[in-house]
Protein backbone atom coordinates (compact mmCIF):
# COMPACT_ATOMS: atom_id res chain seq x y z
CA UNK A 1 92.45 81.94 81.94
CA UNK A 2 89.69 81.70 84.49
CA UNK A 3 86.33 83.37 84.61
CA UNK A 4 87.13 87.09 84.83
CA UNK A 5 83.58 88.05 85.76
CA UNK A 6 83.69 85.99 88.94
CA UNK A 7 87.05 87.38 90.04
CA UNK A 8 86.46 91.08 89.44
CA UNK A 9 84.44 93.22 91.82
CA UNK A 10 82.54 95.84 89.85
CA UNK A 11 82.75 99.50 90.78
CA UNK A 12 79.35 101.17 91.13
CA UNK A 13 78.33 104.77 90.55
CA UNK A 14 78.13 105.13 94.33
CA UNK A 15 81.74 103.91 94.60
CA UNK A 16 82.88 106.49 92.04
CA UNK A 17 81.05 109.25 93.91
CA UNK A 18 82.60 108.17 97.23
CA UNK A 19 86.13 108.00 95.78
CA UNK A 20 85.66 111.42 94.21
CA UNK A 21 84.50 112.80 97.56
CA UNK A 22 87.48 111.28 99.39
CA UNK A 23 89.87 112.63 96.74
CA UNK A 24 88.16 116.04 96.95
CA UNK A 25 87.30 115.89 93.24
CA UNK A 26 84.28 117.60 91.79
CA UNK A 27 83.13 115.30 89.00
CA UNK A 28 80.65 116.64 86.49
CA UNK A 29 77.71 114.28 85.90
CA UNK A 30 78.99 113.50 82.39
CA UNK A 31 82.41 112.47 83.82
CA UNK A 32 81.03 109.75 86.08
CA UNK A 33 80.41 107.10 83.35
CA UNK A 34 83.98 107.46 82.02
CA UNK A 35 85.41 107.18 85.53
CA UNK A 36 83.23 104.13 86.19
CA UNK A 37 84.46 102.51 82.97
CA UNK A 38 88.13 103.32 83.70
CA UNK A 39 88.05 102.03 87.29
CA UNK A 40 86.38 98.79 86.21
CA UNK A 41 88.95 98.35 83.43
CA UNK A 42 91.76 98.75 85.98
CA UNK A 43 90.19 96.15 88.28
CA UNK A 44 89.76 93.74 85.36
CA UNK A 45 93.42 94.18 84.42
CA UNK A 46 94.56 93.53 88.00
CA UNK A 47 92.39 90.40 88.12
CA UNK A 48 94.03 89.26 84.88
CA UNK A 49 97.49 89.87 86.35
CA UNK A 50 96.52 87.89 89.47
CA UNK A 51 95.93 84.85 87.25
CA UNK A 52 99.56 84.75 86.07
CA UNK A 53 101.80 82.01 87.45
CA UNK A 54 104.65 83.84 89.19
CA UNK A 55 105.87 80.85 91.24
CA UNK A 56 109.19 80.75 89.32
CA UNK A 57 109.84 84.49 89.50
CA UNK A 58 112.30 85.73 92.11
CA UNK A 59 110.79 88.54 94.19
CA UNK A 60 112.56 91.90 94.00
CA UNK A 61 112.86 94.45 96.76
CA UNK A 62 113.59 97.14 94.17
CA UNK A 63 113.37 97.31 90.40
CA UNK A 64 117.01 98.46 90.35
CA UNK A 65 117.99 94.91 91.32
CA UNK A 66 116.62 93.75 87.97
CA UNK A 67 117.90 96.73 85.97
CA UNK A 68 121.39 96.52 87.46
CA UNK A 69 121.57 92.80 86.75
CA UNK A 70 120.60 93.37 83.15
CA UNK A 71 123.10 96.18 82.67
CA UNK A 72 126.28 94.38 83.67
CA UNK A 73 125.29 90.72 83.74
CA UNK A 74 126.73 90.25 87.24
CA UNK A 75 123.49 90.85 89.11
CA UNK A 76 124.99 93.89 90.86
CA UNK A 77 123.30 97.24 90.74
CA UNK A 78 124.97 100.01 88.75
CA UNK A 79 123.71 102.93 90.80
CA UNK A 80 125.64 106.16 91.13
CA UNK A 81 127.71 106.77 94.24
CA UNK A 82 125.84 108.43 97.08
CA UNK A 83 127.40 111.89 97.38
CA UNK A 84 126.50 114.87 99.52
CA UNK A 85 126.19 117.98 97.36
CA UNK A 86 125.58 121.58 98.44
CA UNK A 87 121.98 122.76 98.56
CA UNK A 88 120.63 125.70 96.64
CA UNK A 89 121.10 129.08 98.29
CA UNK A 90 117.94 129.80 100.32
CA UNK A 91 117.92 133.56 99.58
CA UNK A 92 118.16 132.95 95.82
CA UNK A 93 115.36 130.38 95.86
CA UNK A 94 113.06 132.40 98.11
CA UNK A 95 113.52 135.49 95.93
CA UNK A 96 111.94 133.52 93.06
CA UNK A 97 109.05 132.06 95.08
CA UNK A 98 105.57 133.46 94.40
CA UNK A 99 104.87 133.71 98.14
CA UNK A 100 107.27 133.15 101.04
CA UNK A 101 108.15 134.28 104.53
CA UNK A 102 111.86 134.05 103.51
CA UNK A 103 112.21 130.75 105.39
CA UNK A 104 109.41 128.61 103.91
CA UNK A 105 107.26 128.59 100.77
CA UNK A 106 103.67 129.65 101.41
CA UNK A 107 101.09 127.53 99.65
CA UNK A 108 97.30 127.63 99.62
CA UNK A 109 95.42 125.43 102.04
CA UNK A 110 94.14 122.37 100.19
CA UNK A 111 92.27 120.48 102.90
CA UNK A 112 89.44 122.37 104.47
CA UNK A 113 87.79 119.59 106.48
């Protein structure tokens, strides 16, 4: 394996604060070091994965291509048939919703900017 230090960009406290702001997270000061450690660990792992030789590995468009091939040995996917099924009754569902206008669910606003 190569030099991991040279391949991995380190996340700074400023980066953590910016990501938290963009994600609309309110990190407590004591949470920042753990987040910094976790993000750097993820970047180190990705850098390690980037060092693997994948030249002999066939690219997949979907994981089901691999799973299906392993299930039956023929390389064909074993997915269920695509069938149209009836939807739930709107009146029954809306009667159980915490807040609704009887057509849509009402949810609190999450983005205030």
